[in-house]
């Protein structure tokens, strides 16, 4: 008893095959790496040193003033300047206080060094006794 089996074969033409089947193997390819920059930080500083005297001192853009302002904003330089100013004022105040104290010490030393010019004898109080030894 021979049984008959029908086999069906689906055939795609090349266009339909490419539309249906992914042939790019994207799952086997590693993810793309970030491209390395063409200009690094080290390159920037080398060029900065080369161009240092060609960069204008002042100007709203492309100047040393612009670089200082931009970098100062980035590192919060204004806050640091305020802290430095407060410390400088405290130092000045402490110096003045030190000077005042030194003047007071000097004045006290002068007073102690001056001889007393009194012609009077010290007076005896009632609690003091005079003892005659003869």
N, C-alpha and C. Protein backbone atom coordinates (compact mmCIF):
# COMPACT_ATOMS: atom_id res chain seq x y z
N UNK A 1 0.83 -1.14 0.00
CA UNK A 1 0.00 0.00 0.00
C UNK A 1 0.89 1.23 0.00
N UNK A 2 0.91 1.71 -1.00
CA UNK A 2 1.70 2.89 -1.23
C UNK A 2 0.83 4.11 -1.06
N UNK A 3 1.32 4.94 -0.23
CA UNK A 3 0.57 6.17 0.04
C UNK A 3 1.25 7.29 -0.72
N UNK A 4 0.49 8.10 -1.22
CA UNK A 4 1.01 9.21 -2.01
C UNK A 4 1.13 10.44 -1.14
N UNK A 5 2.30 11.05 -1.13
CA UNK A 5 2.56 12.25 -0.35
C UNK A 5 2.83 13.37 -1.33
N UNK A 6 2.12 14.45 -1.15
CA UNK A 6 2.31 15.62 -2.00
C UNK A 6 3.27 16.59 -1.31
N UNK A 7 4.30 16.95 -1.98
CA UNK A 7 5.24 17.94 -1.48
C UNK A 7 5.03 19.24 -2.22
N UNK A 8 4.90 20.30 -1.46
CA UNK A 8 4.74 21.63 -2.07
C UNK A 8 6.01 22.42 -1.85
N UNK A 9 6.48 23.04 -2.83
CA UNK A 9 7.69 23.82 -2.77
C UNK A 9 7.35 25.27 -3.11
N UNK A 10 7.68 26.18 -2.16
CA UNK A 10 7.47 27.59 -2.44
C UNK A 10 8.78 28.15 -2.97
N UNK A 11 8.71 28.76 -4.06
CA UNK A 11 9.89 29.35 -4.68
C UNK A 11 9.64 30.84 -4.81
N UNK A 12 10.64 31.63 -4.38
CA UNK A 12 10.55 33.08 -4.49
C UNK A 12 11.47 33.52 -5.61
N UNK A 13 11.04 34.54 -6.26
CA UNK A 13 12.00 35.12 -7.18
C UNK A 13 12.95 35.98 -6.33
N UNK A 14 14.05 36.46 -6.90
CA UNK A 14 15.10 37.15 -6.14
C UNK A 14 14.56 38.39 -5.44
N UNK A 15 13.69 39.14 -6.08
CA UNK A 15 13.13 40.35 -5.47
C UNK A 15 12.30 40.03 -4.25
N UNK A 16 11.42 39.06 -4.35
CA UNK A 16 10.57 38.68 -3.22
C UNK A 16 11.40 38.09 -2.09
N UNK A 17 12.43 37.33 -2.45
CA UNK A 17 13.30 36.73 -1.44
C UNK A 17 13.97 37.82 -0.60
N UNK A 18 14.52 38.85 -1.23
CA UNK A 18 15.20 39.93 -0.50
C UNK A 18 14.22 40.75 0.33
N UNK A 19 12.97 40.83 -0.09
CA UNK A 19 11.96 41.54 0.70
C UNK A 19 11.54 40.73 1.92
N UNK A 20 11.60 39.43 1.82
CA UNK A 20 11.11 38.55 2.88
C UNK A 20 12.20 38.16 3.88
N UNK A 21 13.34 37.83 3.40
CA UNK A 21 14.42 37.30 4.24
C UNK A 21 15.47 38.39 4.49
N UNK A 22 15.87 38.57 5.78
CA UNK A 22 16.92 39.51 6.14
C UNK A 22 18.27 38.83 5.93
N UNK A 23 19.04 39.33 4.99
CA UNK A 23 20.32 38.71 4.67
C UNK A 23 21.51 39.54 5.18
N UNK A 24 21.25 40.52 6.03
CA UNK A 24 22.34 41.41 6.44
C UNK A 24 23.10 40.88 7.66
N UNK A 25 22.65 39.87 8.35
CA UNK A 25 23.31 39.29 9.52
C UNK A 25 23.59 40.35 10.59
N UNK A 26 22.65 41.19 10.88
CA UNK A 26 22.85 42.26 11.86
C UNK A 26 23.04 41.73 13.27
N UNK A 27 22.53 40.57 13.59
CA UNK A 27 22.67 40.05 14.94
C UNK A 27 24.08 39.51 15.19
N UNK A 28 24.83 39.22 14.17
CA UNK A 28 26.17 38.69 14.34
C UNK A 28 27.25 39.76 14.27
N UNK A 29 26.89 40.96 13.87
CA UNK A 29 27.85 42.04 13.73
C UNK A 29 27.92 42.80 15.05
N UNK A 30 29.13 43.07 15.59
CA UNK A 30 29.21 43.83 16.85
C UNK A 30 28.70 45.26 16.64
N UNK A 31 28.20 45.87 17.74
CA UNK A 31 27.69 47.24 17.58
C UNK A 31 28.82 48.18 17.17
N UNK A 32 28.48 49.20 16.45
CA UNK A 32 29.52 50.13 15.99
C UNK A 32 30.15 50.87 17.17
N UNK A 33 31.44 51.09 17.11
CA UNK A 33 32.12 51.84 18.16
C UNK A 33 32.03 53.32 17.85
N UNK A 34 32.18 54.11 18.92
CA UNK A 34 32.14 55.56 18.71
C UNK A 34 33.36 55.97 17.90
N UNK A 35 33.16 56.80 16.95
CA UNK A 35 34.32 57.22 16.16
C UNK A 35 35.24 58.09 17.01
N UNK A 36 36.53 57.90 16.85
CA UNK A 36 37.47 58.72 17.60
C UNK A 36 37.47 60.12 17.00
N UNK A 37 37.49 61.13 17.88
CA UNK A 37 37.46 62.50 17.35
C UNK A 37 38.75 62.80 16.57
N UNK A 38 38.59 63.63 15.60
CA UNK A 38 39.74 64.00 14.79
C UNK A 38 40.63 65.01 15.52
N UNK A 39 40.07 65.67 16.53
CA UNK A 39 40.78 66.73 17.25
C UNK A 39 40.63 66.45 18.74
N UNK A 40 41.70 66.10 19.43
CA UNK A 40 41.65 65.74 20.85
C UNK A 40 41.95 66.97 21.72
N UNK A 41 41.80 66.79 23.01
CA UNK A 41 42.12 67.85 23.96
C UNK A 41 43.60 68.18 23.88
N UNK A 42 44.43 67.15 23.79
CA UNK A 42 45.88 67.40 23.65
C UNK A 42 46.17 68.21 22.39
N UNK A 43 45.48 67.87 21.29
CA UNK A 43 45.66 68.63 20.05
C UNK A 43 45.26 70.09 20.25
N UNK A 44 44.16 70.30 21.00
CA UNK A 44 43.71 71.66 21.26
C UNK A 44 44.79 72.47 21.95
N UNK A 45 45.40 71.91 22.99
CA UNK A 45 46.39 72.67 23.74
C UNK A 45 47.68 72.89 22.94
N UNK A 46 48.02 71.95 22.11
CA UNK A 46 49.18 72.16 21.24
C UNK A 46 48.90 73.33 20.30
N UNK A 47 47.72 73.32 19.71
CA UNK A 47 47.36 74.41 18.80
C UNK A 47 47.21 75.74 19.56
N UNK A 48 46.67 75.67 20.76
CA UNK A 48 46.52 76.88 21.57
C UNK A 48 47.88 77.52 21.83
N UNK A 49 48.86 76.69 22.19
CA UNK A 49 50.21 77.22 22.43
C UNK A 49 50.79 77.81 21.14
N UNK A 50 50.53 77.16 20.03
CA UNK A 50 51.05 77.67 18.75
C UNK A 50 50.41 79.00 18.36
N UNK A 51 49.13 79.17 18.71
CA UNK A 51 48.38 80.36 18.30
C UNK A 51 48.27 81.41 19.40
N UNK A 52 48.88 81.17 20.53
CA UNK A 52 48.67 82.01 21.71
C UNK A 52 48.80 83.50 21.40
N UNK A 53 49.88 83.91 20.75
CA UNK A 53 50.11 85.34 20.52
C UNK A 53 49.32 85.87 19.33
N UNK A 54 48.73 84.99 18.57
CA UNK A 54 47.89 85.43 17.45
C UNK A 54 46.45 85.67 17.88
N UNK A 55 46.07 85.13 19.03
CA UNK A 55 44.70 85.31 19.54
C UNK A 55 44.60 86.70 20.13
N UNK A 56 43.57 87.47 19.74
CA UNK A 56 43.42 88.83 20.30
C UNK A 56 43.20 88.77 21.81
N UNK A 57 43.70 89.80 22.50
CA UNK A 57 43.54 89.85 23.95
C UNK A 57 42.08 90.02 24.33
N UNK A 58 41.39 90.92 23.65
CA UNK A 58 40.02 91.24 24.01
C UNK A 58 39.10 91.02 22.83
N UNK A 59 37.85 90.75 23.15
CA UNK A 59 36.84 90.56 22.12
C UNK A 59 35.74 89.66 22.65
N UNK A 60 34.55 89.78 22.04
CA UNK A 60 33.41 89.01 22.52
C UNK A 60 33.54 87.53 22.19
N UNK A 61 34.23 87.21 21.10
CA UNK A 61 34.47 85.81 20.72
C UNK A 61 35.90 85.69 20.20
N UNK A 62 36.40 84.48 20.20
CA UNK A 62 37.72 84.18 19.65
C UNK A 62 38.82 85.08 20.22
N UNK A 63 38.82 85.25 21.54
CA UNK A 63 39.83 86.08 22.19
C UNK A 63 40.20 85.44 23.53
N UNK A 64 41.30 85.92 24.10
CA UNK A 64 41.67 85.44 25.43
C UNK A 64 40.60 85.82 26.44
N UNK A 65 40.05 87.00 26.31
CA UNK A 65 38.99 87.45 27.21
C UNK A 65 37.80 86.49 27.15
N UNK A 66 37.43 86.08 25.95
CA UNK A 66 36.33 85.14 25.78
C UNK A 66 36.65 83.80 26.45
N UNK A 67 37.89 83.30 26.27
CA UNK A 67 38.27 82.02 26.88
C UNK A 67 38.23 82.10 28.39
N UNK A 68 38.72 83.21 28.94
CA UNK A 68 38.72 83.38 30.40
C UNK A 68 37.29 83.43 30.92
N UNK A 69 36.44 84.21 30.25
CA UNK A 69 35.05 84.35 30.69
C UNK A 69 34.32 83.01 30.60
N UNK A 70 34.48 82.34 29.50
CA UNK A 70 33.79 81.06 29.28
C UNK A 70 34.26 80.01 30.29
N UNK A 71 35.58 79.91 30.48
CA UNK A 71 36.12 78.94 31.44
C UNK A 71 35.73 79.32 32.87
N UNK A 72 35.74 80.63 33.17
CA UNK A 72 35.34 81.08 34.50
C UNK A 72 33.90 80.74 34.81
N UNK A 73 33.03 80.88 33.82
CA UNK A 73 31.63 80.49 34.01
C UNK A 73 31.52 78.99 34.27
N UNK A 74 32.30 78.22 33.55
CA UNK A 74 32.25 76.77 33.66
C UNK A 74 32.71 76.28 35.03
N UNK A 75 33.76 76.89 35.57
CA UNK A 75 34.29 76.43 36.86
C UNK A 75 33.75 77.24 38.03
N UNK A 76 32.78 78.10 37.78
CA UNK A 76 32.16 78.92 38.83
C UNK A 76 33.21 79.80 39.50
N UNK A 77 34.01 80.48 38.70
CA UNK A 77 35.12 81.29 39.18
C UNK A 77 34.64 82.48 40.00
N UNK A 78 33.47 83.01 39.72
CA UNK A 78 32.95 84.17 40.46
C UNK A 78 32.77 83.82 41.93
N UNK A 79 32.26 82.63 42.22
CA UNK A 79 32.06 82.20 43.61
C UNK A 79 33.41 82.06 44.30
N UNK A 80 34.39 81.51 43.60
CA UNK A 80 35.73 81.36 44.17
C UNK A 80 36.32 82.73 44.46
N UNK A 81 36.13 83.69 43.54
CA UNK A 81 36.62 85.06 43.75
C UNK A 81 35.99 85.69 44.98
N UNK A 82 34.70 85.47 45.19
CA UNK A 82 34.01 86.02 46.35
C UNK A 82 34.59 85.43 47.64
N UNK A 83 34.86 84.12 47.64
CA UNK A 83 35.44 83.49 48.82
C UNK A 83 36.84 84.05 49.09
N UNK A 84 37.62 84.23 48.05
CA UNK A 84 38.96 84.79 48.21
C UNK A 84 38.88 86.20 48.76
N UNK A 85 37.94 87.00 48.25
CA UNK A 85 37.79 88.38 48.72
C UNK A 85 37.40 88.40 50.19
N UNK A 86 36.50 87.52 50.60
CA UNK A 86 36.09 87.45 52.02
C UNK A 86 37.28 87.08 52.90
N UNK A 87 38.10 86.15 52.44
CA UNK A 87 39.28 85.75 53.22
C UNK A 87 40.30 86.89 53.29
N UNK A 88 40.48 87.62 52.21
CA UNK A 88 41.40 88.76 52.22
C UNK A 88 40.94 89.83 53.20
N UNK A 89 39.63 90.07 53.24
CA UNK A 89 39.09 91.05 54.19
C UNK A 89 39.30 90.59 55.63
N UNK A 90 39.13 89.29 55.87
CA UNK A 90 39.35 88.75 57.21
C UNK A 90 40.82 88.88 57.61
N UNK A 91 41.72 88.64 56.67
CA UNK A 91 43.15 88.78 56.95
C UNK A 91 43.47 90.24 57.29
N UNK A 92 42.91 91.18 56.54
CA UNK A 92 43.15 92.60 56.81
C UNK A 92 42.64 92.98 58.19
N UNK A 93 41.47 92.46 58.56
CA UNK A 93 40.90 92.74 59.87
C UNK A 93 41.78 92.18 60.98
N UNK A 94 42.26 90.96 60.81
CA UNK A 94 43.12 90.34 61.82
C UNK A 94 44.47 91.06 61.92
N UNK A 95 44.98 91.55 60.81
CA UNK A 95 46.23 92.32 60.84
C UNK A 95 46.05 93.60 61.63
N UNK A 96 44.91 94.27 61.41
CA UNK A 96 44.63 95.50 62.14
C UNK A 96 44.50 95.23 63.63
N UNK A 97 43.80 94.14 63.96
CA UNK A 97 43.64 93.77 65.37
C UNK A 97 45.00 93.45 66.00
N UNK A 98 45.84 92.75 65.26
CA UNK A 98 47.19 92.43 65.74
C UNK A 98 48.00 93.70 65.97
N UNK A 99 47.90 94.64 65.04
CA UNK A 99 48.61 95.91 65.17
C UNK A 99 48.13 96.67 66.40
N UNK A 100 46.82 96.69 66.62
CA UNK A 100 46.27 97.38 67.79
C UNK A 100 46.77 96.75 69.09
N UNK A 101 46.81 95.41 69.13
CA UNK A 101 47.30 94.73 70.33
C UNK A 101 48.78 94.98 70.55
N UNK A 102 49.56 95.01 69.50
CA UNK A 102 50.98 95.32 69.63
C UNK A 102 51.18 96.73 70.16
N UNK A 103 50.35 97.66 69.72
CA UNK A 103 50.45 99.05 70.20
C UNK A 103 50.12 99.12 71.69
N UNK A 104 49.11 98.36 72.12
CA UNK A 104 48.75 98.33 73.54
C UNK A 104 49.90 97.76 74.36
N UNK A 105 50.53 96.68 73.89
CA UNK A 105 51.67 96.09 74.61
C UNK A 105 52.80 97.10 74.68
N UNK A 106 53.08 97.78 73.61
CA UNK A 106 54.13 98.78 73.58
C UNK A 106 53.85 99.90 74.58
N UNK A 107 52.61 100.38 74.60
CA UNK A 107 52.24 101.45 75.54
C UNK A 107 52.40 101.00 76.99
N UNK A 108 52.04 99.76 77.29
CA UNK A 108 52.19 99.24 78.65
C UNK A 108 53.66 99.12 79.02
N UNK A 109 54.49 98.71 78.09
CA UNK A 109 55.92 98.60 78.37
C UNK A 109 56.52 99.99 78.63
N UNK A 110 56.10 100.99 77.91
CA UNK A 110 56.57 102.36 78.11
C UNK A 110 56.17 102.84 79.49
N UNK A 111 54.93 102.58 79.88
CA UNK A 111 54.45 103.02 81.19
C UNK A 111 55.24 102.36 82.32
N UNK A 112 55.55 101.09 82.17
CA UNK A 112 56.29 100.39 83.22
C UNK A 112 57.75 100.84 83.27
N UNK A 113 58.30 101.24 82.18
CA UNK A 113 59.70 101.64 82.14
C UNK A 113 59.92 103.04 82.70
N UNK A 114 58.90 103.86 82.73
CA UNK A 114 59.06 105.23 83.23
C UNK A 114 59.21 105.21 84.75
N UNK A 115 60.26 105.92 85.27
CA UNK A 115 60.44 105.94 86.74
C UNK A 115 59.34 106.77 87.38
N UNK A 116 58.98 106.33 88.57
CA UNK A 116 57.98 107.11 89.32
C UNK A 116 58.70 108.19 90.10
N UNK A 117 58.25 109.39 90.04
CA UNK A 117 58.90 110.54 90.71
C UNK A 117 58.02 111.02 91.84
N UNK A 118 57.93 110.23 92.88
CA UNK A 118 57.14 110.69 94.02
C UNK A 118 58.08 110.88 95.20
N UNK A 119 57.97 112.03 95.86
CA UNK A 119 58.82 112.36 97.00
C UNK A 119 58.17 111.95 98.31
N UNK A 120 57.06 111.42 98.28
CA UNK A 120 56.36 111.06 99.52
C UNK A 120 56.73 109.66 99.92
N UNK A 121 56.77 109.48 101.26
CA UNK A 121 57.02 108.15 101.79
C UNK A 121 55.73 107.36 101.78
N UNK A 122 55.87 106.10 101.67
CA UNK A 122 54.64 105.30 101.76
C UNK A 122 54.07 105.41 103.17
N UNK A 123 52.82 105.51 103.26
CA UNK A 123 52.16 105.64 104.56
C UNK A 123 51.88 104.26 105.12
N UNK A 124 51.93 104.22 106.46
CA UNK A 124 51.64 102.96 107.12
C UNK A 124 50.14 102.86 107.34
N UNK A 125 49.69 101.70 107.21
CA UNK A 125 48.29 101.47 107.52
C UNK A 125 48.21 100.97 108.94
N UNK A 126 47.05 100.93 109.46
CA UNK A 126 46.87 100.54 110.86
C UNK A 126 47.21 99.08 111.09
N UNK A 127 47.21 98.28 110.06
CA UNK A 127 47.51 96.86 110.23
C UNK A 127 49.01 96.60 110.26
N UNK A 128 49.81 97.55 109.81
CA UNK A 128 51.25 97.34 109.79
C UNK A 128 51.83 97.69 111.16
N UNK A 129 52.81 96.96 111.63
CA UNK A 129 53.45 97.20 112.91
C UNK A 129 54.90 97.55 112.68
N UNK A 130 55.37 98.41 113.46
CA UNK A 130 56.76 98.75 113.40
C UNK A 130 57.48 98.05 114.52
N UNK A 131 58.54 97.41 114.21
CA UNK A 131 59.27 96.68 115.22
C UNK A 131 60.64 97.31 115.36
N UNK A 132 60.98 97.69 116.56
CA UNK A 132 62.31 98.25 116.83
C UNK A 132 63.18 97.16 117.45
N UNK A 133 64.20 96.94 116.78
CA UNK A 133 65.15 95.95 117.29
C UNK A 133 66.39 96.67 117.75
N UNK A 134 66.65 96.72 119.03
CA UNK A 134 67.85 97.35 119.60
C UNK A 134 68.48 96.45 120.59
